[in-house]
PDB file of N, CA and C in Angstrom:
ATOM      1  N   MET A   1     121.689 130.932 105.414  1.00  0.00           N
ATOM      2  CA  MET A   1     120.368 130.502 105.825  1.00  0.00           C
ATOM      3  C   MET A   1     120.106 129.119 105.396  1.00  0.00           C
ATOM      4  N   GLU A   2     119.611 128.384 106.268  1.00  0.00           N
ATOM      5  CA  GLU A   2     119.616 126.757 106.064  1.00  0.00           C
ATOM      6  C   GLU A   2     118.266 126.605 105.325  1.00  0.00           C
ATOM      7  N   THR A   3     118.352 125.940 104.243  1.00  0.00           N
ATOM      8  CA  THR A   3     117.084 125.539 103.459  1.00  0.00           C
ATOM      9  C   THR A   3     116.494 124.199 104.170  1.00  0.00           C
ATOM     10  N   LYS A   4     115.269 124.427 104.225  1.00  0.00           N
ATOM     11  CA  LYS A   4     114.423 123.301 105.059  1.00  0.00           C
ATOM     12  C   LYS A   4     114.365 122.184 103.828  1.00  0.00           C
ATOM     13  N   VAL A   5     114.392 121.060 104.262  1.00  0.00           N
ATOM     14  CA  VAL A   5     114.547 119.937 103.494  1.00  0.00           C
ATOM     15  C   VAL A   5     113.081 118.822 103.680  1.00  0.00           C
ATOM     16  N   ASP A   6     112.452 118.689 102.571  1.00  0.00           N
ATOM     17  CA  ASP A   6     111.311 117.773 102.780  1.00  0.00           C
ATOM     18  C   ASP A   6     111.497 116.804 102.109  1.00  0.00           C
ATOM     19  N   ILE A   7     111.722 115.453 102.780  1.00  0.00           N
ATOM     20  CA  ILE A   7     111.848 114.225 101.897  1.00  0.00           C
ATOM     21  C   ILE A   7     110.589 113.102 102.231  1.00  0.00           C
ATOM     22  N   HIS A   8     110.128 112.614 101.261  1.00  0.00           N
ATOM     23  CA  HIS A   8     109.115 111.989 101.632  1.00  0.00           C
ATOM     24  C   HIS A   8     109.305 110.359 101.308  1.00  0.00           C
ATOM     25  N   ILE A   9     109.258 109.369 102.425  1.00  0.00           N
ATOM     26  CA  ILE A   9     109.629 108.088 102.508  1.00  0.00           C
ATOM     27  C   ILE A   9     108.554 107.375 102.935  1.00  0.00           C
ATOM     28  N   MET A  10     108.716 105.998 102.406  1.00  0.00           N
ATOM     29  CA  MET A  10     107.497 104.901 102.897  1.00  0.00           C
ATOM     30  C   MET A  10     108.144 104.040 103.680  1.00  0.00           C
ATOM     31  N   ILE A  11     107.552 103.620 104.970  1.00  0.00           N
ATOM     32  CA  ILE A  11     107.982 102.683 105.774  1.00  0.00           C
ATOM     33  C   ILE A  11     106.612 101.787 106.089  1.00  0.00           C
ATOM     34  N   ASP A  12     106.854 100.793 105.756  1.00  0.00           N
ATOM     35  CA  ASP A  12     105.635  99.649 106.027  1.00  0.00           C
ATOM     36  C   ASP A  12     104.581 100.117 105.458  1.00  0.00           C
ATOM     37  N   HIS A  13     104.593 100.754 104.319  1.00  0.00           N
ATOM     38  CA  HIS A  13     103.530 101.237 103.330  1.00  0.00           C
ATOM     39  C   HIS A  13     102.718 102.483 103.947  1.00  0.00           C
ATOM     40  N   ARG A  14     103.286 103.279 104.941  1.00  0.00           N
ATOM     41  CA  ARG A  14     103.099 104.357 105.345  1.00  0.00           C
ATOM     42  C   ARG A  14     103.981 105.403 105.063  1.00  0.00           C
ATOM     43  N   GLU A  15     103.492 106.785 104.748  1.00  0.00           N
ATOM     44  CA  GLU A  15     104.202 107.617 104.237  1.00  0.00           C
ATOM     45  C   GLU A  15     104.849 108.811 105.318  1.00  0.00           C
ATOM     46  N   TYR A  16     105.752 109.036 105.339  1.00  0.00           N
ATOM     47  CA  TYR A  16     106.526 109.988 106.519  1.00  0.00           C
ATOM     48  C   TYR A  16     107.089 111.052 105.717  1.00  0.00           C
ATOM     49  N   SER A  17     107.141 112.169 106.348  1.00  0.00           N
ATOM     50  CA  SER A  17     107.771 113.430 105.759  1.00  0.00           C
ATOM     51  C   SER A  17     109.013 113.700 106.737  1.00  0.00           C
ATOM     52  N   VAL A  18     110.315 113.711 106.157  1.00  0.00           N
ATOM     53  CA  VAL A  18     111.346 114.046 107.295  1.00  0.00           C
ATOM     54  C   VAL A  18     112.083 115.204 106.751  1.00  0.00           C
ATOM     55  N   HIS A  19     112.734 115.876 107.550  1.00  0.00           N
ATOM     56  CA  HIS A  19     113.339 117.116 107.313  1.00  0.00           C
ATOM     57  C   HIS A  19     114.808 117.158 107.365  1.00  0.00           C
ATOM     58  N   GLN A  20     115.418 115.820 107.237  1.00  0.00           N
ATOM     59  CA  GLN A  20     116.997 115.896 106.929  1.00  0.00           C
ATOM     60  C   GLN A  20     117.121 114.926 105.986  1.00  0.00           C
ATOM     61  N   THR A  21     118.535 114.818 105.497  1.00  0.00           N
ATOM     62  CA  THR A  21     119.000 114.083 104.394  1.00  0.00           C
ATOM     63  C   THR A  21     119.415 112.558 104.775  1.00  0.00           C
ATOM     64  N   GLU A  22     119.924 112.604 106.163  1.00  0.00           N
ATOM     65  CA  GLU A  22     120.524 111.500 106.761  1.00  0.00           C
ATOM     66  C   GLU A  22     119.842 110.996 107.987  1.00  0.00           C
ATOM     67  N   MET A  23     119.754 109.669 108.183  1.00  0.00           N
ATOM     68  CA  MET A  23     118.969 109.132 109.285  1.00  0.00           C
ATOM     69  C   MET A  23     119.729 107.737 109.676  1.00  0.00           C
ATOM     70  N   THR A  24     119.813 107.468 110.754  1.00  0.00           N
ATOM     71  CA  THR A  24     120.168 105.931 111.061  1.00  0.00           C
ATOM     72  C   THR A  24     119.414 105.079 110.914  1.00  0.00           C
ATOM     73  N   GLY A  25     119.330 103.735 110.858  1.00  0.00           N
ATOM     74  CA  GLY A  25     118.391 102.543 110.941  1.00  0.00           C
ATOM     75  C   GLY A  25     117.479 102.749 112.014  1.00  0.00           C
ATOM     76  N   ALA A  26     118.326 102.903 113.406  1.00  0.00           N
ATOM     77  CA  ALA A  26     117.377 102.973 114.555  1.00  0.00           C
ATOM     78  C   ALA A  26     116.580 104.416 114.664  1.00  0.00           C
ATOM     79  N   GLN A  27     116.887 105.490 113.849  1.00  0.00           N
ATOM     80  CA  GLN A  27     116.054 106.564 113.855  1.00  0.00           C
ATOM     81  C   GLN A  27     114.781 106.559 113.050  1.00  0.00           C
ATOM     82  N   LEU A  28     115.082 105.668 111.699  1.00  0.00           N
ATOM     83  CA  LEU A  28     114.036 105.152 110.912  1.00  0.00           C
ATOM     84  C   LEU A  28     112.897 104.262 111.627  1.00  0.00           C
ATOM     85  N   LYS A  29     113.556 103.431 112.518  1.00  0.00           N
ATOM     86  CA  LYS A  29     112.615 102.473 113.500  1.00  0.00           C
ATOM     87  C   LYS A  29     111.919 103.337 114.187  1.00  0.00           C
ATOM     88  N   ALA A  30     112.631 104.127 114.805  1.00  0.00           N
ATOM     89  CA  ALA A  30     111.822 104.994 115.850  1.00  0.00           C
ATOM     90  C   ALA A  30     110.672 105.840 115.308  1.00  0.00           C
ATOM     91  N   LEU A  31     111.095 106.392 114.085  1.00  0.00           N
ATOM     92  CA  LEU A  31     109.863 107.149 113.254  1.00  0.00           C
ATOM     93  C   LEU A  31     108.567 106.464 113.013  1.00  0.00           C
ATOM     94  N   ALA A  32     108.919 104.966 112.697  1.00  0.00           N
ATOM     95  CA  ALA A  32     107.588 104.266 112.417  1.00  0.00           C
ATOM     96  C   ALA A  32     107.377 103.658 113.418  1.00  0.00           C
ATOM     97  N   GLY A  33     107.831 103.472 114.845  1.00  0.00           N
ATOM     98  CA  GLY A  33     107.367 102.595 115.786  1.00  0.00           C
ATOM     99  C   GLY A  33     107.581 101.373 115.690  1.00  0.00           C
ATOM    100  N   ILE A  34     108.863 100.916 115.016  1.00  0.00           N
ATOM    101  CA  ILE A  34     109.170  99.465 114.806  1.00  0.00           C
ATOM    102  C   ILE A  34     110.019  99.247 115.944  1.00  0.00           C
ATOM    103  N   PRO A  35     110.006  97.989 116.518  1.00  0.00           N
ATOM    104  CA  PRO A  35     110.827  97.562 117.778  1.00  0.00           C
ATOM    105  C   PRO A  35     112.287  97.646 117.144  1.00  0.00           C
ATOM    106  N   GLU A  36     113.037  97.963 118.026  1.00  0.00           N
ATOM    107  CA  GLU A  36     114.768  98.121 117.768  1.00  0.00           C
ATOM    108  C   GLU A  36     115.166  96.729 117.448  1.00  0.00           C
ATOM    109  N   THR A  37     114.608  95.592 117.875  1.00  0.00           N
ATOM    110  CA  THR A  37     115.032  94.338 117.409  1.00  0.00           C
ATOM    111  C   THR A  37     114.775  93.867 116.126  1.00  0.00           C
ATOM    112  N   ASN A  38     113.764  94.341 115.351  1.00  0.00           N
ATOM    113  CA  ASN A  38     113.378  94.048 114.170  1.00  0.00           C
ATOM    114  C   ASN A  38     114.431  94.452 112.831  1.00  0.00           C
ATOM    115  N   LEU A  39     114.422  93.704 111.769  1.00  0.00           N
ATOM    116  CA  LEU A  39     115.129  93.942 110.804  1.00  0.00           C
ATOM    117  C   LEU A  39     114.496  94.852 109.896  1.00  0.00           C
ATOM    118  N   LEU A  40     115.324  96.054 109.303  1.00  0.00           N
ATOM    119  CA  LEU A  40     114.709  97.006 108.402  1.00  0.00           C
ATOM    120  C   LEU A  40     115.407  96.901 107.327  1.00  0.00           C
ATOM    121  N   PHE A  41     114.939  97.022 105.980  1.00  0.00           N
ATOM    122  CA  PHE A  41     115.384  96.903 104.683  1.00  0.00           C
ATOM    123  C   PHE A  41     115.033  98.060 103.789  1.00  0.00           C
ATOM    124  N   LEU A  42     115.773  98.205 102.735  1.00  0.00           N
ATOM    125  CA  LEU A  42     115.408  99.401 101.949  1.00  0.00           C
ATOM    126  C   LEU A  42     115.112  98.676 100.651  1.00  0.00           C
ATOM    127  N   GLU A  43     114.140  98.979 100.102  1.00  0.00           N
ATOM    128  CA  GLU A  43     113.580  98.334  98.714  1.00  0.00           C
ATOM    129  C   GLU A  43     114.307  98.568  97.520  1.00  0.00           C
ATOM    130  N   VAL A  44     114.763  97.530  96.895  1.00  0.00           N
ATOM    131  CA  VAL A  44     115.807  97.771  95.691  1.00  0.00           C
ATOM    132  C   VAL A  44     114.945  97.408  94.376  1.00  0.00           C
ATOM    133  N   HIS A  45     114.766  98.447  93.726  1.00  0.00           N
ATOM    134  CA  HIS A  45     113.856  98.246  92.375  1.00  0.00           C
ATOM    135  C   HIS A  45     114.781  97.437  91.518  1.00  0.00           C
ATOM    136  N   GLY A  46     114.345  96.409  90.475  1.00  0.00           N
ATOM    137  CA  GLY A  46     115.014  95.694  89.711  1.00  0.00           C
ATOM    138  C   GLY A  46     115.556  94.388  90.271  1.00  0.00           C
ATOM    139  N   PRO A  47     116.558  93.753  89.488  1.00  0.00           N
ATOM    140  CA  PRO A  47     116.922  92.571  90.195  1.00  0.00           C
ATOM    141  C   PRO A  47     118.056  92.933  91.288  1.00  0.00           C
ATOM    142  N   GLY A  48     117.952  91.695  92.167  1.00  0.00           N
ATOM    143  CA  GLY A  48     118.959  92.203  93.332  1.00  0.00           C
ATOM    144  C   GLY A  48     118.076  91.869  94.640  1.00  0.00           C
ATOM    145  N   GLU A  49     119.007  91.939  95.822  1.00  0.00           N
ATOM    146  CA  GLU A  49     118.214  91.842  96.940  1.00  0.00           C
ATOM    147  C   GLU A  49     118.118  93.080  97.461  1.00  0.00           C
ATOM    148  N   ASP A  50     116.875  93.108  98.520  1.00  0.00           N
ATOM    149  CA  ASP A  50     116.736  94.591  99.276  1.00  0.00           C
ATOM    150  C   ASP A  50     117.888  94.722 100.120  1.00  0.00           C
ATOM    151  N   GLU A  51     118.066  95.975 100.499  1.00  0.00           N
ATOM    152  CA  GLU A  51     119.179  96.281 101.216  1.00  0.00           C
ATOM    153  C   GLU A  51     118.990  96.278 102.696  1.00  0.00           C
ATOM    154  N   PRO A  52     119.593  95.342 103.541  1.00  0.00           N
ATOM    155  CA  PRO A  52     119.543  95.406 104.954  1.00  0.00           C
ATOM    156  C   PRO A  52     120.100  96.692 105.542  1.00  0.00           C
ATOM    157  N   ILE A  53     119.367  97.293 106.747  1.00  0.00           N
ATOM    158  CA  ILE A  53     119.834  98.498 107.317  1.00  0.00           C
ATOM    159  C   ILE A  53     120.056  98.205 108.740  1.00  0.00           C
ATOM    160  N   ALA A  54     121.038  98.314 109.076  1.00  0.00           N
ATOM    161  CA  ALA A  54     121.519  97.915 110.509  1.00  0.00           C
ATOM    162  C   ALA A  54     121.117  99.281 111.369  1.00  0.00           C
ATOM    163  N   ASN A  55     121.116  99.214 112.654  1.00  0.00           N
ATOM    164  CA  ASN A  55     120.532 100.315 113.602  1.00  0.00           C
ATOM    165  C   ASN A  55     121.511 101.507 113.460  1.00  0.00           C
ATOM    166  N   ASP A  56     122.922 101.167 113.280  1.00  0.00           N
ATOM    167  CA  ASP A  56     123.772 102.216 113.387  1.00  0.00           C
ATOM    168  C   ASP A  56     124.271 102.532 111.893  1.00  0.00           C
ATOM    169  N   THR A  57     123.565 102.056 110.873  1.00  0.00           N
ATOM    170  CA  THR A  57     123.850 102.455 109.601  1.00  0.00           C
ATOM    171  C   THR A  57     123.312 103.716 109.337  1.00  0.00           C
ATOM    172  N   VAL A  58     124.203 104.696 108.491  1.00  0.00           N
ATOM    173  CA  VAL A  58     123.369 106.113 108.269  1.00  0.00           C
ATOM    174  C   VAL A  58     123.005 105.745 106.791  1.00  0.00           C
ATOM    175  N   VAL A  59     121.599 106.215 106.709  1.00  0.00           N
ATOM    176  CA  VAL A  59     121.054 105.989 105.244  1.00  0.00           C
ATOM    177  C   VAL A  59     121.094 107.628 104.567  1.00  0.00           C
ATOM    178  N   HIS A  60     121.499 107.546 103.462  1.00  0.00           N
ATOM    179  CA  HIS A  60     121.380 109.145 102.922  1.00  0.00           C
ATOM    180  C   HIS A  60     119.899 108.932 102.068  1.00  0.00           C
ATOM    181  N   LEU A  61     118.945 109.486 102.512  1.00  0.00           N
ATOM    182  CA  LEU A  61     117.607 109.603 102.277  1.00  0.00           C
ATOM    183  C   LEU A  61     117.307 110.337 100.982  1.00  0.00           C
ATOM    184  N   ARG A  62     116.528 109.495 100.096  1.00  0.00           N
ATOM    185  CA  ARG A  62     115.976 110.217  98.718  1.00  0.00           C
ATOM    186  C   ARG A  62     114.524 110.002  98.739  1.00  0.00           C
ATOM    187  N   ASP A  63     113.968 111.075  98.189  1.00  0.00           N
ATOM    188  CA  ASP A  63     112.582 111.125  98.170  1.00  0.00           C
ATOM    189  C   ASP A  63     111.999 109.825  97.249  1.00  0.00           C
ATOM    190  N   GLY A  64     110.982 109.323  97.794  1.00  0.00           N
ATOM    191  CA  GLY A  64     110.227 108.240  97.482  1.00  0.00           C
ATOM    192  C   GLY A  64     110.786 106.832  97.762  1.00  0.00           C
ATOM    193  N   GLU A  65     111.840 106.778  98.635  1.00  0.00           N
ATOM    194  CA  GLU A  65     112.383 105.449  98.885  1.00  0.00           C
ATOM    195  C   GLU A  65     111.451 104.827  99.909  1.00  0.00           C
ATOM    196  N   HIS A  66     111.313 103.417  99.848  1.00  0.00           N
ATOM    197  CA  HIS A  66     110.482 102.425 100.395  1.00  0.00           C
ATOM    198  C   HIS A  66     111.305 101.738 101.478  1.00  0.00           C
ATOM    199  N   PHE A  67     110.735 101.509 102.745  1.00  0.00           N
ATOM    200  CA  PHE A  67     111.672 100.668 103.543  1.00  0.00           C
ATOM    201  C   PHE A  67     110.591  99.915 104.227  1.00  0.00           C
ATOM    202  N   TYR A  68     111.174  98.667 104.645  1.00  0.00           N
ATOM    203  CA  TYR A  68     109.993  97.713 105.350  1.00  0.00           C
ATOM    204  C   TYR A  68     110.659  97.110 106.574  1.00  0.00           C
ATOM    205  N   ASP A  69     109.813  96.669 107.620  1.00  0.00           N
ATOM    206  CA  ASP A  69     110.771  95.818 108.384  1.00  0.00           C
ATOM    207  C   ASP A  69     110.201  94.434 108.793  1.00  0.00           C
ATOM    208  N   MET A  70     110.933  93.499 109.358  1.00  0.00           N
ATOM    209  CA  MET A  70     110.686  92.101 109.547  1.00  0.00           C
ATOM    210  C   MET A  70     111.078  91.457 110.969  1.00  0.00           C
ATOM    211  N   PRO A  71     110.123  90.957 111.683  1.00  0.00           N
ATOM    212  CA  PRO A  71     110.934  90.279 112.796  1.00  0.00           C
ATOM    213  C   PRO A  71     112.083  89.636 112.621  1.00  0.00           C
ATOM    214  N   PRO A  72     113.001  89.454 113.595  1.00  0.00           N
ATOM    215  CA  PRO A  72     114.224  88.791 113.430  1.00  0.00           C
ATOM    216  C   PRO A  72     113.816  87.257 113.195  1.00  0.00           C
ATOM    217  N   GLY A  73     112.979  86.577 113.805  1.00  0.00           N
ATOM    218  CA  GLY A  73     112.672  85.217 113.624  1.00  0.00           C
ATOM    219  C   GLY A  73     112.363  84.825 112.058  1.00  0.00           C
ATOM    220  N   ASN A  74     111.630  85.563 111.337  1.00  0.00           N
ATOM    221  CA  ASN A  74     111.220  85.342 110.169  1.00  0.00           C
ATOM    222  C   ASN A  74     112.015  85.542 108.805  1.00  0.00           C
ATOM    223  N   PHE A  75     113.447  85.977 109.212  1.00  0.00           N
ATOM    224  CA  PHE A  75     114.382  86.171 108.246  1.00  0.00           C
ATOM    225  C   PHE A  75     114.986  85.167 107.898  1.00  0.00           C
ATOM    226  N   GLY A  76     114.914  84.691 106.598  1.00  0.00           N
ATOM    227  CA  GLY A  76     115.579  83.637 106.071  1.00  0.00           C
ATOM    228  C   GLY A  76     114.840  82.251 105.941  1.00  0.00           C
ATOM    229  N   THR A  77     113.686  82.236 106.712  1.00  0.00           N
ATOM    230  CA  THR A  77     112.946  81.481 106.824  1.00  0.00           C
ATOM    231  C   THR A  77     111.781  80.917 105.517  1.00  0.00           C
ATOM    232  N   GLU A  78     111.484  79.962 105.132  1.00  0.00           N
ATOM    233  CA  GLU A  78     110.577  79.664 103.950  1.00  0.00           C
ATOM    234  C   GLU A  78     109.416  79.265 104.780  1.00  0.00           C
ATOM    235  N   GLN A  79     108.313  80.140 103.981  1.00  0.00           N
ATOM    236  CA  GLN A  79     106.830  79.776 104.287  1.00  0.00           C
ATOM    237  C   GLN A  79     106.223  78.612 103.552  1.00  0.00           C
ATOM    238  N   ARG A  80     105.686  77.766 104.384  1.00  0.00           N
ATOM    239  CA  ARG A  80     104.984  76.640 103.454  1.00  0.00           C
ATOM    240  C   ARG A  80     103.480  76.675 103.828  1.00  0.00           C
TER     241      ARG A  80
END
């Protein structure tokens, strides 16, 4: 008998409950209604850069993880 998994993640400050331990970047974007062309990131706590998640990257989800998106034109630009 398969055990139901209940994992709570945050995407752009909204909580989602998923029932699988792995999803692709494209599936995470679809879940949150994010355009496929936007960049998706996994927040990394502590020092270091947040992890970019490509559409075809398989993410091993853990309870409490936070993701966010950014339009592709804003990546790497400095705000003034």
